[in-house]
């Protein structure tokens, strides 16, 4: 039996994961800078880049068969 991962699933996983990271990043950056404008700018830039990279990484791994067990 072949297993497929839909693009929508990968996208939802990426968005929910990045939401958690966004909150974490904002907290750390604000603790360092004590500036909301700097925090917001850095959080937006880093999370757009990271979300894009995560999505691409997830799609590449959806084609890798290593470690999958489809015999059940």
C-alpha atoms as a PDB file:
ATOM      1  CA  UNK A   1       0.000   0.000   0.000  1.00  0.00           C
ATOM      2  CA  UNK A   2       1.438   3.343  -1.035  1.00  0.00           C
ATOM      3  CA  UNK A   3       1.184   6.296   1.336  1.00  0.00           C
ATOM      4  CA  UNK A   4       0.681   9.835   0.039  1.00  0.00           C
ATOM      5  CA  UNK A   5       1.035  13.122   1.872  1.00  0.00           C
ATOM      6  CA  UNK A   6      -1.161  15.874   0.473  1.00  0.00           C
ATOM      7  CA  UNK A   7       0.153  19.400   0.009  1.00  0.00           C
ATOM      8  CA  UNK A   8      -2.658  20.778   2.216  1.00  0.00           C
ATOM      9  CA  UNK A   9      -1.492  18.616   5.141  1.00  0.00           C
ATOM     10  CA  UNK A  10       2.076  19.851   4.752  1.00  0.00           C
ATOM     11  CA  UNK A  11       0.886  23.445   4.595  1.00  0.00           C
ATOM     12  CA  UNK A  12      -1.267  23.137   7.732  1.00  0.00           C
ATOM     13  CA  UNK A  13       1.602  21.483   9.618  1.00  0.00           C
ATOM     14  CA  UNK A  14       3.956  24.275   8.548  1.00  0.00           C
ATOM     15  CA  UNK A  15       1.564  27.045   9.606  1.00  0.00           C
ATOM     16  CA  UNK A  16       0.750  25.558  13.017  1.00  0.00           C
ATOM     17  CA  UNK A  17       4.396  24.853  13.762  1.00  0.00           C
ATOM     18  CA  UNK A  18       5.443  28.353  12.712  1.00  0.00           C
ATOM     19  CA  UNK A  19       2.753  29.847  14.978  1.00  0.00           C
ATOM     20  CA  UNK A  20       4.408  28.174  17.958  1.00  0.00           C
ATOM     21  CA  UNK A  21       7.844  29.333  16.833  1.00  0.00           C
ATOM     22  CA  UNK A  22       6.575  32.869  16.169  1.00  0.00           C
ATOM     23  CA  UNK A  23       5.477  33.215  19.789  1.00  0.00           C
ATOM     24  CA  UNK A  24       8.750  31.806  21.055  1.00  0.00           C
ATOM     25  CA  UNK A  25      10.847  34.040  18.772  1.00  0.00           C
ATOM     26  CA  UNK A  26       8.881  37.138  19.757  1.00  0.00           C
ATOM     27  CA  UNK A  27       9.407  36.453  23.441  1.00  0.00           C
ATOM     28  CA  UNK A  28      13.145  35.909  23.101  1.00  0.00           C
ATOM     29  CA  UNK A  29      13.713  38.846  20.741  1.00  0.00           C
ATOM     30  CA  UNK A  30      11.718  41.199  22.948  1.00  0.00           C
ATOM     31  CA  UNK A  31      13.642  40.092  26.050  1.00  0.00           C
ATOM     32  CA  UNK A  32      16.875  40.953  24.234  1.00  0.00           C
ATOM     33  CA  UNK A  33      15.848  44.192  22.486  1.00  0.00           C
ATOM     34  CA  UNK A  34      13.018  45.573  24.684  1.00  0.00           C
ATOM     35  CA  UNK A  35      11.636  47.097  21.469  1.00  0.00           C
ATOM     36  CA  UNK A  36       8.361  46.017  19.886  1.00  0.00           C
ATOM     37  CA  UNK A  37       9.197  47.542  16.464  1.00  0.00           C
ATOM     38  CA  UNK A  38      12.465  45.588  16.207  1.00  0.00           C
ATOM     39  CA  UNK A  39      10.778  42.462  17.547  1.00  0.00           C
ATOM     40  CA  UNK A  40       7.973  42.660  15.003  1.00  0.00           C
ATOM     41  CA  UNK A  41      10.333  43.242  12.070  1.00  0.00           C
ATOM     42  CA  UNK A  42      12.635  40.381  12.989  1.00  0.00           C
ATOM     43  CA  UNK A  43       9.776  37.984  13.733  1.00  0.00           C
ATOM     44  CA  UNK A  44       8.109  38.673  10.383  1.00  0.00           C
ATOM     45  CA  UNK A  45      11.328  38.317   8.370  1.00  0.00           C
ATOM     46  CA  UNK A  46      12.611  35.181  10.081  1.00  0.00           C
ATOM     47  CA  UNK A  47       9.260  33.422  10.126  1.00  0.00           C
ATOM     48  CA  UNK A  48       8.486  34.029   6.462  1.00  0.00           C
ATOM     49  CA  UNK A  49      11.870  32.584   5.532  1.00  0.00           C
ATOM     50  CA  UNK A  50      11.590  29.671   7.969  1.00  0.00           C
ATOM     51  CA  UNK A  51       8.036  28.767   6.924  1.00  0.00           C
ATOM     52  CA  UNK A  52       9.035  28.659   3.274  1.00  0.00           C
ATOM     53  CA  UNK A  53      12.063  26.488   4.009  1.00  0.00           C
ATOM     54  CA  UNK A  54      10.057  24.144   6.235  1.00  0.00           C
ATOM     55  CA  UNK A  55       7.384  23.693   3.569  1.00  0.00           C
ATOM     56  CA  UNK A  56       9.992  22.865   0.912  1.00  0.00           C
ATOM     57  CA  UNK A  57      11.744  20.489   3.313  1.00  0.00           C
ATOM     58  CA  UNK A  58       8.450  18.725   4.117  1.00  0.00           C
ATOM     59  CA  UNK A  59       7.580  18.293   0.429  1.00  0.00           C
ATOM     60  CA  UNK A  60      11.013  16.851  -0.365  1.00  0.00           C
ATOM     61  CA  UNK A  61      10.745  14.388   2.531  1.00  0.00           C
ATOM     62  CA  UNK A  62       7.265  13.315   1.392  1.00  0.00           C
ATOM     63  CA  UNK A  63       9.034  11.685  -1.588  1.00  0.00           C
ATOM     64  CA  UNK A  64      11.651   9.869   0.498  1.00  0.00           C
ATOM     65  CA  UNK A  65      10.682   6.268   1.169  1.00  0.00           C
ATOM     66  CA  UNK A  66      13.381   5.620   3.770  1.00  0.00           C
ATOM     67  CA  UNK A  67      11.936   4.796   7.194  1.00  0.00           C
ATOM     68  CA  UNK A  68       8.374   4.229   5.995  1.00  0.00           C
ATOM     69  CA  UNK A  69       6.566   0.987   6.655  1.00  0.00           C
ATOM     70  CA  UNK A  70       3.638   0.418   4.341  1.00  0.00           C
ATOM     71  CA  UNK A  71       3.291  -3.311   5.058  1.00  0.00           C
ATOM     72  CA  UNK A  72       0.561  -2.863   7.692  1.00  0.00           C
END
